[in-house]
N, C-alpha and C. Protein backbone atom coordinates (compact mmCIF):
# COMPACT_ATOMS: atom_id res chain seq x y z
N MET A 1 -1.21 -68.76 -18.97
CA MET A 1 -2.42 -67.99 -18.87
C MET A 1 -2.06 -66.50 -18.81
N PRO A 2 -2.69 -65.66 -19.60
CA PRO A 2 -2.40 -64.24 -19.55
C PRO A 2 -2.75 -63.64 -18.18
N SER A 3 -2.00 -62.65 -17.78
CA SER A 3 -2.30 -61.95 -16.52
C SER A 3 -2.36 -60.45 -16.78
N LEU A 4 -3.26 -59.79 -16.10
CA LEU A 4 -3.43 -58.35 -16.25
C LEU A 4 -2.14 -57.64 -15.88
N HIS A 5 -1.70 -56.73 -16.74
CA HIS A 5 -0.45 -56.01 -16.51
C HIS A 5 -0.66 -54.51 -16.42
N THR A 6 -1.42 -53.92 -17.36
CA THR A 6 -1.54 -52.48 -17.44
C THR A 6 -2.97 -52.07 -17.74
N ILE A 7 -3.44 -51.06 -17.05
CA ILE A 7 -4.68 -50.38 -17.38
C ILE A 7 -4.27 -49.13 -18.15
N SER A 8 -4.83 -48.90 -19.32
CA SER A 8 -4.46 -47.74 -20.13
C SER A 8 -5.59 -46.72 -20.15
N ILE A 9 -5.19 -45.47 -20.14
CA ILE A 9 -6.12 -44.35 -20.21
C ILE A 9 -5.80 -43.56 -21.46
N THR A 10 -6.78 -43.37 -22.33
CA THR A 10 -6.58 -42.52 -23.49
C THR A 10 -6.87 -41.09 -23.05
N VAL A 11 -5.89 -40.20 -23.28
CA VAL A 11 -5.97 -38.83 -22.75
C VAL A 11 -5.94 -37.80 -23.87
N LYS A 12 -6.64 -36.69 -23.64
CA LYS A 12 -6.66 -35.60 -24.62
C LYS A 12 -5.33 -34.87 -24.65
N ASP A 13 -4.78 -34.56 -23.48
CA ASP A 13 -3.55 -33.78 -23.36
C ASP A 13 -2.63 -34.51 -22.39
N LEU A 14 -1.61 -35.17 -22.92
CA LEU A 14 -0.73 -35.99 -22.11
C LEU A 14 -0.07 -35.19 -20.99
N GLY A 15 0.43 -33.99 -21.30
CA GLY A 15 1.08 -33.17 -20.29
C GLY A 15 0.16 -32.83 -19.12
N LYS A 16 -1.08 -32.44 -19.41
CA LYS A 16 -2.03 -32.12 -18.35
C LYS A 16 -2.37 -33.35 -17.52
N SER A 17 -2.54 -34.48 -18.18
CA SER A 17 -2.87 -35.71 -17.46
C SER A 17 -1.71 -36.16 -16.58
N LEU A 18 -0.49 -36.13 -17.11
CA LEU A 18 0.66 -36.53 -16.30
C LEU A 18 0.82 -35.59 -15.11
N SER A 19 0.59 -34.31 -15.30
CA SER A 19 0.67 -33.34 -14.20
C SER A 19 -0.34 -33.68 -13.11
N PHE A 20 -1.56 -33.99 -13.50
CA PHE A 20 -2.60 -34.37 -12.53
C PHE A 20 -2.14 -35.57 -11.71
N TYR A 21 -1.69 -36.61 -12.38
CA TYR A 21 -1.32 -37.84 -11.67
C TYR A 21 -0.03 -37.67 -10.88
N ARG A 22 0.88 -36.82 -11.33
CA ARG A 22 2.07 -36.50 -10.51
C ARG A 22 1.63 -35.79 -9.23
N THR A 23 0.72 -34.83 -9.37
CA THR A 23 0.24 -34.08 -8.20
C THR A 23 -0.48 -35.00 -7.23
N SER A 24 -1.14 -36.03 -7.76
CA SER A 24 -1.85 -36.97 -6.89
C SER A 24 -0.90 -37.91 -6.17
N GLY A 25 0.38 -37.89 -6.53
CA GLY A 25 1.37 -38.68 -5.80
C GLY A 25 2.12 -39.72 -6.60
N LEU A 26 1.79 -39.90 -7.88
CA LEU A 26 2.52 -40.89 -8.68
C LEU A 26 3.86 -40.31 -9.12
N ALA A 27 4.92 -41.07 -8.94
CA ALA A 27 6.27 -40.62 -9.29
C ALA A 27 6.55 -40.86 -10.77
N ILE A 28 5.83 -40.15 -11.61
CA ILE A 28 6.00 -40.27 -13.06
C ILE A 28 7.14 -39.33 -13.46
N ALA A 29 8.14 -39.88 -14.13
CA ALA A 29 9.31 -39.09 -14.51
C ALA A 29 8.91 -37.89 -15.38
N GLU A 30 9.60 -36.78 -15.17
CA GLU A 30 9.39 -35.58 -15.98
C GLU A 30 9.96 -35.79 -17.38
N GLY A 31 9.63 -34.90 -18.31
CA GLY A 31 10.19 -34.93 -19.65
C GLY A 31 9.52 -35.90 -20.60
N GLN A 32 8.33 -36.38 -20.25
CA GLN A 32 7.64 -37.35 -21.10
C GLN A 32 6.35 -36.80 -21.72
N ASP A 33 6.13 -35.50 -21.58
CA ASP A 33 4.85 -34.91 -21.98
C ASP A 33 4.55 -34.99 -23.46
N ASN A 34 5.53 -35.30 -24.30
CA ASN A 34 5.31 -35.38 -25.75
C ASN A 34 5.54 -36.78 -26.30
N GLU A 35 5.53 -37.78 -25.43
CA GLU A 35 5.75 -39.16 -25.86
C GLU A 35 4.48 -39.73 -26.51
N HIS A 36 4.63 -40.87 -27.15
CA HIS A 36 3.50 -41.56 -27.77
C HIS A 36 2.77 -42.47 -26.78
N HIS A 37 3.42 -42.74 -25.66
CA HIS A 37 2.85 -43.60 -24.62
C HIS A 37 3.72 -43.45 -23.39
N VAL A 38 3.11 -43.34 -22.24
CA VAL A 38 3.86 -43.30 -20.98
C VAL A 38 3.27 -44.36 -20.07
N GLU A 39 4.14 -45.14 -19.47
CA GLU A 39 3.67 -46.17 -18.54
C GLU A 39 4.29 -45.95 -17.17
N TYR A 40 3.46 -46.00 -16.17
CA TYR A 40 3.90 -45.87 -14.78
C TYR A 40 3.59 -47.18 -14.07
N THR A 41 4.57 -47.72 -13.35
CA THR A 41 4.36 -48.93 -12.55
C THR A 41 4.54 -48.57 -11.09
N SER A 42 3.53 -48.89 -10.31
CA SER A 42 3.55 -48.55 -8.88
C SER A 42 4.42 -49.53 -8.10
N GLU A 43 4.67 -49.19 -6.85
CA GLU A 43 5.48 -50.05 -5.99
C GLU A 43 4.84 -51.41 -5.78
N ASN A 44 3.50 -51.48 -5.87
CA ASN A 44 2.84 -52.76 -5.67
C ASN A 44 2.58 -53.51 -6.98
N GLY A 45 3.18 -53.03 -8.08
CA GLY A 45 3.17 -53.77 -9.33
C GLY A 45 2.07 -53.42 -10.31
N TYR A 46 1.17 -52.54 -9.96
CA TYR A 46 0.12 -52.14 -10.91
C TYR A 46 0.68 -51.11 -11.88
N SER A 47 0.28 -51.22 -13.14
CA SER A 47 0.75 -50.28 -14.15
C SER A 47 -0.42 -49.51 -14.76
N ILE A 48 -0.17 -48.22 -15.01
CA ILE A 48 -1.12 -47.37 -15.72
C ILE A 48 -0.41 -46.87 -16.96
N GLY A 49 -1.02 -47.05 -18.11
CA GLY A 49 -0.50 -46.51 -19.35
C GLY A 49 -1.30 -45.28 -19.74
N PHE A 50 -0.62 -44.26 -20.20
CA PHE A 50 -1.26 -43.03 -20.66
C PHE A 50 -1.01 -42.93 -22.16
N ILE A 51 -2.09 -42.93 -22.93
CA ILE A 51 -1.99 -42.93 -24.39
C ILE A 51 -2.68 -41.68 -24.92
N PRO A 52 -1.95 -40.79 -25.58
CA PRO A 52 -2.59 -39.61 -26.17
C PRO A 52 -3.56 -40.00 -27.28
N GLU A 53 -4.61 -39.20 -27.45
CA GLU A 53 -5.57 -39.46 -28.52
C GLU A 53 -4.88 -39.50 -29.88
N THR A 54 -3.82 -38.69 -30.07
CA THR A 54 -3.11 -38.69 -31.36
C THR A 54 -2.48 -40.05 -31.65
N THR A 55 -2.00 -40.73 -30.63
CA THR A 55 -1.45 -42.07 -30.81
C THR A 55 -2.55 -43.05 -31.17
N MET A 56 -3.69 -42.93 -30.50
CA MET A 56 -4.82 -43.81 -30.83
C MET A 56 -5.22 -43.65 -32.29
N LEU A 57 -5.27 -42.40 -32.76
CA LEU A 57 -5.65 -42.14 -34.14
C LEU A 57 -4.60 -42.65 -35.13
N HIS A 58 -3.35 -42.66 -34.71
CA HIS A 58 -2.28 -43.18 -35.57
C HIS A 58 -2.41 -44.69 -35.73
N THR A 59 -2.74 -45.37 -34.64
CA THR A 59 -2.84 -46.83 -34.69
C THR A 59 -4.19 -47.29 -35.21
N ASP A 60 -5.23 -46.45 -35.04
CA ASP A 60 -6.57 -46.80 -35.51
C ASP A 60 -7.24 -45.52 -36.02
N PRO A 61 -7.10 -45.22 -37.32
CA PRO A 61 -7.66 -43.98 -37.87
C PRO A 61 -9.17 -43.85 -37.69
N ALA A 62 -9.88 -44.95 -37.44
CA ALA A 62 -11.33 -44.90 -37.25
C ALA A 62 -11.72 -44.68 -35.78
N TRP A 63 -10.73 -44.59 -34.89
CA TRP A 63 -11.02 -44.44 -33.47
C TRP A 63 -11.73 -43.12 -33.21
N THR A 64 -12.71 -43.15 -32.34
CA THR A 64 -13.37 -41.93 -31.87
C THR A 64 -13.40 -41.95 -30.35
N ALA A 65 -13.30 -40.78 -29.78
CA ALA A 65 -13.30 -40.66 -28.33
C ALA A 65 -14.67 -41.03 -27.78
N PRO A 66 -14.70 -41.74 -26.65
CA PRO A 66 -15.98 -42.04 -26.03
C PRO A 66 -16.65 -40.75 -25.57
N THR A 67 -17.95 -40.77 -25.45
CA THR A 67 -18.67 -39.60 -24.96
C THR A 67 -19.07 -39.84 -23.51
N GLY A 68 -19.34 -38.76 -22.81
CA GLY A 68 -19.73 -38.85 -21.41
C GLY A 68 -18.52 -38.79 -20.50
N ASN A 69 -18.77 -38.84 -19.23
CA ASN A 69 -17.70 -38.78 -18.23
C ASN A 69 -17.33 -40.18 -17.75
N ASN A 70 -16.29 -40.21 -16.96
CA ASN A 70 -15.84 -41.44 -16.31
C ASN A 70 -15.54 -42.56 -17.30
N ARG A 71 -14.53 -42.32 -18.13
CA ARG A 71 -14.06 -43.35 -19.06
C ARG A 71 -13.45 -44.52 -18.30
N ILE A 72 -12.95 -44.25 -17.13
CA ILE A 72 -12.30 -45.26 -16.30
C ILE A 72 -12.65 -44.98 -14.85
N GLY A 73 -12.36 -45.92 -13.99
CA GLY A 73 -12.50 -45.70 -12.56
C GLY A 73 -11.19 -46.05 -11.88
N LEU A 74 -10.55 -45.09 -11.27
CA LEU A 74 -9.31 -45.34 -10.54
C LEU A 74 -9.50 -44.91 -9.10
N GLN A 75 -8.99 -45.72 -8.19
CA GLN A 75 -9.00 -45.36 -6.78
C GLN A 75 -7.63 -45.66 -6.21
N PHE A 76 -7.10 -44.69 -5.46
CA PHE A 76 -5.78 -44.80 -4.88
C PHE A 76 -5.88 -44.93 -3.37
N ALA A 77 -5.22 -45.94 -2.82
CA ALA A 77 -5.17 -46.13 -1.38
C ALA A 77 -4.17 -45.17 -0.78
N CYS A 78 -4.58 -44.50 0.27
CA CYS A 78 -3.70 -43.60 1.02
C CYS A 78 -3.37 -44.24 2.36
N SER A 79 -2.30 -43.79 2.98
CA SER A 79 -1.86 -44.41 4.22
C SER A 79 -2.68 -44.00 5.44
N SER A 80 -3.41 -42.89 5.32
CA SER A 80 -4.20 -42.39 6.46
C SER A 80 -5.30 -41.47 5.96
N PRO A 81 -6.31 -41.23 6.79
CA PRO A 81 -7.32 -40.23 6.42
C PRO A 81 -6.71 -38.85 6.15
N ALA A 82 -5.66 -38.49 6.91
CA ALA A 82 -5.01 -37.19 6.69
C ALA A 82 -4.38 -37.13 5.30
N GLU A 83 -3.82 -38.25 4.81
CA GLU A 83 -3.24 -38.26 3.48
C GLU A 83 -4.31 -38.09 2.40
N VAL A 84 -5.51 -38.61 2.63
CA VAL A 84 -6.62 -38.39 1.70
C VAL A 84 -6.86 -36.89 1.57
N ASP A 85 -6.97 -36.22 2.73
CA ASP A 85 -7.22 -34.78 2.73
C ASP A 85 -6.08 -34.01 2.07
N GLU A 86 -4.84 -34.38 2.37
CA GLU A 86 -3.66 -33.70 1.80
C GLU A 86 -3.62 -33.85 0.28
N THR A 87 -3.88 -35.05 -0.21
CA THR A 87 -3.86 -35.30 -1.65
C THR A 87 -4.96 -34.51 -2.34
N TYR A 88 -6.15 -34.56 -1.77
CA TYR A 88 -7.28 -33.80 -2.31
C TYR A 88 -6.94 -32.31 -2.36
N ASN A 89 -6.43 -31.77 -1.27
CA ASN A 89 -6.11 -30.33 -1.21
C ASN A 89 -5.03 -29.93 -2.20
N LYS A 90 -4.01 -30.78 -2.40
CA LYS A 90 -2.96 -30.50 -3.39
C LYS A 90 -3.54 -30.42 -4.80
N LEU A 91 -4.42 -31.35 -5.12
CA LEU A 91 -5.02 -31.37 -6.46
C LEU A 91 -5.92 -30.16 -6.69
N ILE A 92 -6.70 -29.79 -5.69
CA ILE A 92 -7.59 -28.63 -5.81
C ILE A 92 -6.75 -27.36 -5.93
N ALA A 93 -5.69 -27.25 -5.13
CA ALA A 93 -4.80 -26.08 -5.20
C ALA A 93 -4.11 -25.98 -6.56
N ALA A 94 -3.91 -27.12 -7.22
CA ALA A 94 -3.28 -27.13 -8.55
C ALA A 94 -4.29 -26.81 -9.66
N GLY A 95 -5.54 -26.54 -9.29
CA GLY A 95 -6.53 -26.11 -10.26
C GLY A 95 -7.46 -27.19 -10.77
N HIS A 96 -7.42 -28.38 -10.18
CA HIS A 96 -8.30 -29.45 -10.62
C HIS A 96 -9.65 -29.34 -9.91
N THR A 97 -10.66 -29.98 -10.46
CA THR A 97 -12.03 -29.84 -10.00
C THR A 97 -12.41 -30.95 -9.01
N SER A 98 -13.04 -30.53 -7.93
CA SER A 98 -13.55 -31.49 -6.96
C SER A 98 -14.80 -32.16 -7.49
N PHE A 99 -14.90 -33.46 -7.29
CA PHE A 99 -16.15 -34.14 -7.55
C PHE A 99 -16.86 -34.41 -6.23
N LYS A 100 -16.08 -34.79 -5.20
CA LYS A 100 -16.64 -35.03 -3.87
C LYS A 100 -15.56 -34.72 -2.85
N GLU A 101 -15.82 -33.73 -2.00
CA GLU A 101 -14.87 -33.37 -0.95
C GLU A 101 -14.64 -34.56 -0.02
N PRO A 102 -13.51 -34.57 0.69
CA PRO A 102 -13.25 -35.67 1.63
C PRO A 102 -14.40 -35.82 2.65
N TRP A 103 -14.76 -37.07 2.88
CA TRP A 103 -15.82 -37.36 3.84
C TRP A 103 -15.60 -38.74 4.44
N ASN A 104 -16.20 -38.95 5.58
CA ASN A 104 -16.12 -40.25 6.24
C ASN A 104 -17.29 -41.10 5.73
N ALA A 105 -16.98 -42.02 4.84
CA ALA A 105 -18.00 -42.82 4.19
C ALA A 105 -18.58 -43.87 5.14
N PHE A 106 -19.81 -44.23 4.90
CA PHE A 106 -20.49 -45.19 5.75
C PHE A 106 -19.85 -46.57 5.71
N TRP A 107 -18.99 -46.85 4.72
CA TRP A 107 -18.34 -48.15 4.62
C TRP A 107 -17.00 -48.19 5.35
N GLY A 108 -16.71 -47.12 6.14
CA GLY A 108 -15.53 -47.14 7.00
C GLY A 108 -14.26 -46.58 6.42
N GLN A 109 -14.38 -45.74 5.40
CA GLN A 109 -13.20 -45.13 4.80
C GLN A 109 -13.36 -43.61 4.73
N ARG A 110 -12.21 -42.92 4.79
CA ARG A 110 -12.16 -41.51 4.40
C ARG A 110 -12.03 -41.55 2.89
N PHE A 111 -12.88 -40.81 2.18
CA PHE A 111 -12.97 -40.95 0.74
C PHE A 111 -13.12 -39.57 0.12
N ALA A 112 -12.47 -39.36 -1.04
CA ALA A 112 -12.60 -38.11 -1.78
C ALA A 112 -12.45 -38.43 -3.26
N GLN A 113 -13.00 -37.55 -4.11
CA GLN A 113 -12.85 -37.72 -5.56
C GLN A 113 -12.54 -36.37 -6.20
N VAL A 114 -11.59 -36.42 -7.14
CA VAL A 114 -11.19 -35.24 -7.92
C VAL A 114 -11.29 -35.63 -9.39
N THR A 115 -11.76 -34.72 -10.21
CA THR A 115 -11.92 -34.98 -11.64
C THR A 115 -10.60 -34.71 -12.36
N ASP A 116 -10.13 -35.70 -13.13
CA ASP A 116 -8.89 -35.52 -13.88
C ASP A 116 -9.16 -34.71 -15.15
N PRO A 117 -8.13 -34.34 -15.91
CA PRO A 117 -8.33 -33.49 -17.10
C PRO A 117 -9.23 -34.09 -18.18
N ASP A 118 -9.48 -35.41 -18.13
CA ASP A 118 -10.33 -36.05 -19.13
C ASP A 118 -11.73 -36.34 -18.61
N GLY A 119 -12.08 -35.80 -17.45
CA GLY A 119 -13.43 -35.96 -16.91
C GLY A 119 -13.65 -37.20 -16.07
N ASN A 120 -12.58 -37.93 -15.74
CA ASN A 120 -12.69 -39.12 -14.90
C ASN A 120 -12.64 -38.72 -13.43
N ASN A 121 -13.53 -39.28 -12.63
CA ASN A 121 -13.51 -39.01 -11.20
C ASN A 121 -12.59 -40.02 -10.53
N VAL A 122 -11.48 -39.53 -9.99
CA VAL A 122 -10.44 -40.36 -9.40
C VAL A 122 -10.59 -40.32 -7.89
N GLY A 123 -10.68 -41.49 -7.27
CA GLY A 123 -10.91 -41.59 -5.84
C GLY A 123 -9.62 -41.78 -5.06
N PHE A 124 -9.65 -41.28 -3.82
CA PHE A 124 -8.56 -41.44 -2.86
C PHE A 124 -9.21 -41.87 -1.55
N PHE A 125 -8.66 -42.93 -0.93
CA PHE A 125 -9.30 -43.44 0.27
C PHE A 125 -8.29 -43.96 1.28
N ALA A 126 -8.74 -44.04 2.52
CA ALA A 126 -7.97 -44.67 3.60
C ALA A 126 -8.97 -45.22 4.61
N GLU A 127 -8.57 -46.26 5.27
CA GLU A 127 -9.42 -46.83 6.33
C GLU A 127 -9.49 -45.83 7.49
N LEU A 128 -10.67 -45.73 8.07
CA LEU A 128 -10.84 -44.86 9.25
C LEU A 128 -10.34 -45.55 10.50
């Protein structure tokens, strides 16, 4: 039976996207900003693939970029509410746009969202 291995994100600018996700805490190796595909596997086994639009067009010349925001939904677990705030602040200091400042959500988590270079709102959370 097939099992889910990788979630892929089609990105406009691979270097900008990798920088965003590195700043958010993913240990993505440097020197890959011009690759045709970059895959990151987390310590808990989840993989994210980053595919530049140019690669998509090479494999499917009829491909067109989706319109609107939030092509994907990603949420990253943090070890503490303070880590949510630290991650959010690092991303904002690096020039990324806030979607929702850190707050104590009614469902019992510290939660924040920052918009990645492709318009996706990426969440960071920790249990309160």
